[in-house]
């Protein structure tokens, strides 16, 4: 079955120049393991394929049950150089929470999203 990432995690995002930074924080260790296996550079890049023109970098922060993704070349040059509506990347965390991932049929998510 499929669930949205937002059912097992919350997120924060921001920007640094032309790149956006998306942190995903799991609600518990079980959910972190699922996120770590399902949210890869490739799957996140595919999810943001319309806006992320560069590479996606993944960083693990296991002591916080978190993953951090850098979406390079996703902001059209950044806040002062871009004509994009969200050149600061603040909505990218919410967008990642909408991504669907496959989990076992008997999986119980934290909440509906």
N, C-alpha and C. Protein backbone atom coordinates (compact mmCIF):
# COMPACT_ATOMS: atom_id res chain seq x y z
N UNK A 1 0.84 -1.17 0.00
CA UNK A 1 0.00 0.00 0.00
C UNK A 1 0.88 1.24 0.00
N UNK A 2 0.29 2.35 -0.39
CA UNK A 2 1.03 3.60 -0.42
C UNK A 2 0.52 4.55 0.65
N UNK A 3 1.47 5.30 1.22
CA UNK A 3 1.13 6.35 2.17
C UNK A 3 1.90 7.61 1.76
N UNK A 4 1.47 8.73 2.28
CA UNK A 4 2.22 9.96 2.07
C UNK A 4 3.29 10.09 3.15
N UNK A 5 4.43 10.63 2.78
CA UNK A 5 5.52 10.84 3.73
C UNK A 5 5.03 11.60 4.96
N UNK A 6 4.11 12.52 4.78
CA UNK A 6 3.57 13.32 5.88
C UNK A 6 2.83 12.53 6.94
N UNK A 7 2.53 11.26 6.67
CA UNK A 7 1.88 10.42 7.67
C UNK A 7 2.87 9.88 8.70
N UNK A 8 4.16 9.94 8.37
CA UNK A 8 5.16 9.39 9.29
C UNK A 8 6.28 10.38 9.61
N UNK A 9 6.15 11.60 9.13
CA UNK A 9 7.23 12.59 9.35
C UNK A 9 6.70 14.01 9.21
N UNK A 10 7.51 14.94 9.67
CA UNK A 10 7.26 16.35 9.39
C UNK A 10 8.50 16.90 8.70
N UNK A 11 8.43 18.12 8.20
CA UNK A 11 9.54 18.65 7.41
C UNK A 11 9.73 20.14 7.63
N UNK A 12 10.94 20.58 7.33
CA UNK A 12 11.30 22.00 7.33
C UNK A 12 12.12 22.23 6.06
N UNK A 13 11.99 23.39 5.49
CA UNK A 13 12.78 23.67 4.30
C UNK A 13 13.14 25.14 4.22
N UNK A 14 14.14 25.41 3.43
CA UNK A 14 14.61 26.76 3.24
C UNK A 14 15.51 26.82 2.03
N UNK A 15 16.36 27.82 1.98
CA UNK A 15 17.15 28.00 0.78
C UNK A 15 18.56 28.47 1.10
N UNK A 16 19.41 28.28 0.14
CA UNK A 16 20.78 28.79 0.18
C UNK A 16 21.17 29.05 -1.26
N UNK A 17 21.03 30.29 -1.69
CA UNK A 17 21.31 30.62 -3.08
C UNK A 17 20.33 29.95 -4.02
N UNK A 18 20.84 29.20 -4.98
CA UNK A 18 19.99 28.54 -5.97
C UNK A 18 19.51 27.16 -5.53
N UNK A 19 19.90 26.72 -4.34
CA UNK A 19 19.53 25.39 -3.85
C UNK A 19 18.52 25.50 -2.71
N UNK A 20 17.65 24.51 -2.64
CA UNK A 20 16.76 24.45 -1.47
C UNK A 20 17.20 23.29 -0.59
N UNK A 21 16.91 23.43 0.68
CA UNK A 21 17.31 22.49 1.71
C UNK A 21 16.02 21.94 2.33
N UNK A 22 15.83 20.62 2.28
CA UNK A 22 14.61 20.01 2.82
C UNK A 22 15.00 18.98 3.88
N UNK A 23 14.59 19.23 5.10
CA UNK A 23 14.80 18.29 6.19
C UNK A 23 13.52 17.55 6.49
N UNK A 24 13.61 16.22 6.58
CA UNK A 24 12.46 15.37 6.89
C UNK A 24 12.77 14.66 8.20
N UNK A 25 11.88 14.81 9.18
CA UNK A 25 12.11 14.27 10.52
C UNK A 25 11.03 13.23 10.83
N UNK A 26 11.46 11.99 11.03
CA UNK A 26 10.52 10.90 11.30
C UNK A 26 9.96 11.01 12.71
N UNK A 27 8.73 10.50 12.89
CA UNK A 27 8.10 10.52 14.21
C UNK A 27 8.68 9.46 15.15
N UNK A 28 9.28 8.41 14.61
CA UNK A 28 9.92 7.40 15.45
C UNK A 28 10.98 6.64 14.64
N UNK A 29 11.71 5.76 15.30
CA UNK A 29 12.82 5.06 14.65
C UNK A 29 12.36 4.14 13.52
N UNK A 30 11.24 3.46 13.71
CA UNK A 30 10.69 2.60 12.66
C UNK A 30 10.42 3.42 11.39
N UNK A 31 9.81 4.59 11.57
CA UNK A 31 9.49 5.44 10.43
C UNK A 31 10.77 5.98 9.78
N UNK A 32 11.78 6.27 10.60
CA UNK A 32 13.05 6.74 10.05
C UNK A 32 13.67 5.70 9.11
N UNK A 33 13.63 4.44 9.54
CA UNK A 33 14.19 3.36 8.70
C UNK A 33 13.46 3.26 7.37
N UNK A 34 12.15 3.41 7.41
CA UNK A 34 11.36 3.38 6.17
C UNK A 34 11.73 4.56 5.28
N UNK A 35 11.78 5.75 5.86
CA UNK A 35 12.13 6.93 5.09
C UNK A 35 13.53 6.82 4.49
N UNK A 36 14.47 6.33 5.27
CA UNK A 36 15.84 6.21 4.78
C UNK A 36 15.92 5.28 3.57
N UNK A 37 15.11 4.23 3.58
CA UNK A 37 15.16 3.29 2.45
C UNK A 37 14.36 3.79 1.24
N UNK A 38 13.30 4.53 1.48
CA UNK A 38 12.42 4.97 0.38
C UNK A 38 12.79 6.33 -0.21
N UNK A 39 13.31 7.22 0.60
CA UNK A 39 13.69 8.54 0.11
C UNK A 39 15.16 8.53 -0.28
N UNK A 40 15.40 8.27 -1.53
CA UNK A 40 16.75 8.25 -2.06
C UNK A 40 16.97 9.51 -2.88
N UNK A 41 18.20 9.74 -3.29
CA UNK A 41 18.48 10.87 -4.17
C UNK A 41 17.61 10.79 -5.42
N UNK A 42 17.47 9.57 -5.96
CA UNK A 42 16.71 9.38 -7.19
C UNK A 42 15.22 9.62 -7.01
N UNK A 43 14.64 9.08 -5.92
CA UNK A 43 13.19 9.23 -5.73
C UNK A 43 12.82 10.68 -5.43
N UNK A 44 13.67 11.37 -4.66
CA UNK A 44 13.40 12.78 -4.36
C UNK A 44 13.58 13.63 -5.63
N UNK A 45 14.61 13.34 -6.40
CA UNK A 45 14.83 14.06 -7.66
C UNK A 45 13.62 13.86 -8.58
N UNK A 46 13.12 12.63 -8.66
CA UNK A 46 11.95 12.36 -9.49
C UNK A 46 10.72 13.13 -9.00
N UNK A 47 10.54 13.19 -7.68
CA UNK A 47 9.41 13.91 -7.11
C UNK A 47 9.46 15.40 -7.46
N UNK A 48 10.66 15.97 -7.49
CA UNK A 48 10.84 17.39 -7.78
C UNK A 48 11.34 17.62 -9.22
N UNK A 49 11.07 16.69 -10.11
CA UNK A 49 11.66 16.75 -11.45
C UNK A 49 11.34 18.03 -12.23
N UNK A 50 10.23 18.67 -11.93
CA UNK A 50 9.87 19.89 -12.67
C UNK A 50 10.64 21.12 -12.19
N UNK A 51 11.15 21.08 -10.96
CA UNK A 51 11.83 22.28 -10.44
C UNK A 51 13.30 22.06 -10.10
N UNK A 52 13.69 20.82 -9.84
CA UNK A 52 15.09 20.55 -9.46
C UNK A 52 15.89 20.20 -10.70
N UNK A 53 16.67 21.15 -11.18
CA UNK A 53 17.44 20.94 -12.40
C UNK A 53 18.83 20.36 -12.13
N UNK A 54 19.27 20.44 -10.88
CA UNK A 54 20.58 19.91 -10.52
C UNK A 54 20.47 18.59 -9.78
N UNK A 55 21.57 18.19 -9.19
CA UNK A 55 21.62 16.95 -8.43
C UNK A 55 20.95 17.10 -7.07
N UNK A 56 20.48 15.98 -6.53
CA UNK A 56 19.95 15.94 -5.17
C UNK A 56 20.99 15.24 -4.29
N UNK A 57 21.30 15.86 -3.16
CA UNK A 57 22.24 15.27 -2.20
C UNK A 57 21.46 14.85 -0.95
N UNK A 58 21.77 13.68 -0.42
CA UNK A 58 21.09 13.16 0.77
C UNK A 58 22.09 13.06 1.92
N UNK A 59 21.66 13.55 3.09
CA UNK A 59 22.48 13.46 4.29
C UNK A 59 21.63 12.85 5.40
N UNK A 60 22.20 11.90 6.09
CA UNK A 60 21.50 11.24 7.20
C UNK A 60 21.88 11.91 8.52
N UNK A 61 20.87 12.09 9.38
CA UNK A 61 21.08 12.62 10.73
C UNK A 61 20.34 11.67 11.67
N UNK A 62 20.89 10.45 11.85
CA UNK A 62 20.15 9.41 12.57
C UNK A 62 19.85 9.72 14.03
N UNK A 63 20.71 10.49 14.69
CA UNK A 63 20.44 10.82 16.09
C UNK A 63 19.21 11.72 16.25
N UNK A 64 18.80 12.38 15.16
CA UNK A 64 17.58 13.19 15.17
C UNK A 64 16.45 12.53 14.39
N UNK A 65 16.69 11.30 13.91
CA UNK A 65 15.73 10.57 13.07
C UNK A 65 15.36 11.40 11.84
N UNK A 66 16.38 12.03 11.25
CA UNK A 66 16.14 12.97 10.16
C UNK A 66 16.99 12.66 8.93
N UNK A 67 16.47 13.12 7.80
CA UNK A 67 17.19 13.11 6.54
C UNK A 67 17.19 14.54 6.03
N UNK A 68 18.28 14.95 5.42
CA UNK A 68 18.38 16.28 4.86
C UNK A 68 18.71 16.16 3.38
N UNK A 69 17.95 16.85 2.56
CA UNK A 69 18.16 16.82 1.12
C UNK A 69 18.49 18.21 0.62
N UNK A 70 19.51 18.30 -0.23
CA UNK A 70 19.84 19.53 -0.91
C UNK A 70 19.39 19.36 -2.35
N UNK A 71 18.49 20.23 -2.79
CA UNK A 71 17.99 20.22 -4.16
C UNK A 71 18.72 21.32 -4.92
N UNK A 72 19.81 20.93 -5.57
CA UNK A 72 20.64 21.90 -6.28
C UNK A 72 19.93 22.43 -7.53
N UNK A 73 20.12 23.70 -7.79
CA UNK A 73 19.54 24.38 -8.94
C UNK A 73 18.02 24.19 -8.99
N UNK A 74 17.37 24.48 -7.87
CA UNK A 74 15.91 24.33 -7.80
C UNK A 74 15.20 25.66 -7.59
N UNK A 75 15.95 26.74 -7.48
CA UNK A 75 15.33 28.03 -7.16
C UNK A 75 15.57 29.12 -8.20
N UNK A 76 16.04 28.73 -9.36
CA UNK A 76 16.23 29.72 -10.42
C UNK A 76 17.19 30.83 -10.08
N UNK A 77 18.21 30.53 -9.30
CA UNK A 77 19.20 31.53 -8.94
C UNK A 77 19.04 32.09 -7.54
N UNK A 78 17.92 31.83 -6.89
CA UNK A 78 17.71 32.31 -5.53
C UNK A 78 16.77 33.50 -5.46
N UNK A 79 16.48 33.91 -4.23
CA UNK A 79 15.48 34.93 -3.96
C UNK A 79 15.65 36.24 -4.69
N UNK A 80 16.86 36.72 -4.79
CA UNK A 80 17.06 38.03 -5.42
C UNK A 80 17.28 37.95 -6.93
N UNK A 81 17.46 36.75 -7.45
CA UNK A 81 17.75 36.61 -8.88
C UNK A 81 16.66 35.91 -9.67
N UNK A 82 15.67 35.35 -9.01
CA UNK A 82 14.70 34.49 -9.68
C UNK A 82 13.37 35.17 -9.92
N UNK A 83 12.68 34.71 -10.95
CA UNK A 83 11.32 35.14 -11.22
C UNK A 83 10.31 34.12 -10.69
N UNK A 84 10.79 33.05 -10.03
CA UNK A 84 9.89 32.03 -9.49
C UNK A 84 9.08 32.59 -8.33
N UNK A 85 7.88 32.07 -8.16
CA UNK A 85 7.00 32.49 -7.07
C UNK A 85 7.62 32.19 -5.72
N UNK A 86 8.21 30.99 -5.55
CA UNK A 86 8.80 30.61 -4.27
C UNK A 86 10.30 30.43 -4.43
N UNK A 87 11.00 31.50 -4.64
CA UNK A 87 12.45 31.42 -4.84
C UNK A 87 13.20 31.20 -3.53
N UNK A 88 12.50 31.10 -2.41
CA UNK A 88 13.14 30.82 -1.13
C UNK A 88 13.03 29.35 -0.72
N UNK A 89 12.25 28.55 -1.40
CA UNK A 89 12.18 27.13 -1.11
C UNK A 89 11.40 26.75 0.13
N UNK A 90 10.64 27.67 0.70
CA UNK A 90 9.95 27.40 1.96
C UNK A 90 8.83 26.37 1.82
N UNK A 91 8.30 26.18 0.63
CA UNK A 91 7.21 25.21 0.44
C UNK A 91 7.72 23.83 0.04
N UNK A 92 9.00 23.67 -0.18
CA UNK A 92 9.52 22.39 -0.65
C UNK A 92 9.36 21.29 0.40
N UNK A 93 9.42 21.63 1.67
CA UNK A 93 9.19 20.63 2.72
C UNK A 93 7.77 20.09 2.65
N UNK A 94 6.80 20.98 2.50
CA UNK A 94 5.40 20.55 2.37
C UNK A 94 5.22 19.69 1.14
N UNK A 95 5.90 20.05 0.06
CA UNK A 95 5.79 19.28 -1.18
C UNK A 95 6.33 17.86 -0.99
N UNK A 96 7.43 17.73 -0.26
CA UNK A 96 7.99 16.39 -0.03
C UNK A 96 7.07 15.55 0.86
N UNK A 97 6.36 16.18 1.78
CA UNK A 97 5.42 15.44 2.63
C UNK A 97 4.26 14.85 1.83
N UNK A 98 4.01 15.38 0.65
CA UNK A 98 2.96 14.86 -0.23
C UNK A 98 3.40 13.66 -1.06
N UNK A 99 4.70 13.40 -1.09
CA UNK A 99 5.23 12.27 -1.86
C UNK A 99 4.69 10.95 -1.31
N UNK A 100 4.30 10.05 -2.20
CA UNK A 100 3.81 8.74 -1.78
C UNK A 100 4.93 7.71 -1.83
N UNK A 101 4.96 6.87 -0.80
CA UNK A 101 5.94 5.77 -0.74
C UNK A 101 5.20 4.47 -0.47
N UNK A 102 5.79 3.38 -0.89
CA UNK A 102 5.22 2.04 -0.71
C UNK A 102 5.63 1.49 0.66
N UNK A 103 4.65 0.97 1.40
CA UNK A 103 4.89 0.33 2.70
C UNK A 103 4.12 -0.99 2.73
N UNK A 104 4.46 -1.90 3.66
CA UNK A 104 3.72 -3.17 3.75
C UNK A 104 2.22 -2.92 4.02
N UNK A 105 1.39 -3.83 3.56
CA UNK A 105 -0.07 -3.69 3.71
C UNK A 105 -0.53 -3.57 5.15
N UNK A 106 0.20 -4.17 6.09
CA UNK A 106 -0.20 -4.14 7.50
C UNK A 106 0.38 -2.94 8.26
N UNK A 107 1.01 -2.01 7.55
CA UNK A 107 1.65 -0.87 8.17
C UNK A 107 0.62 0.08 8.75
N UNK A 108 0.90 0.57 9.95
CA UNK A 108 0.03 1.56 10.61
C UNK A 108 0.79 2.88 10.69
N UNK A 109 0.31 3.87 9.98
CA UNK A 109 0.94 5.19 10.00
C UNK A 109 0.55 5.96 11.24
N UNK A 110 1.33 6.98 11.56
CA UNK A 110 1.09 7.83 12.73
C UNK A 110 -0.25 8.55 12.64
N UNK A 111 -0.54 9.11 11.45
CA UNK A 111 -1.75 9.91 11.30
C UNK A 111 -2.12 9.99 9.83
N UNK A 112 -3.31 10.42 9.58
CA UNK A 112 -3.74 10.68 8.20
C UNK A 112 -3.21 12.03 7.77
N UNK A 113 -2.92 12.14 6.51
CA UNK A 113 -2.37 13.41 6.01
C UNK A 113 -3.00 13.72 4.69
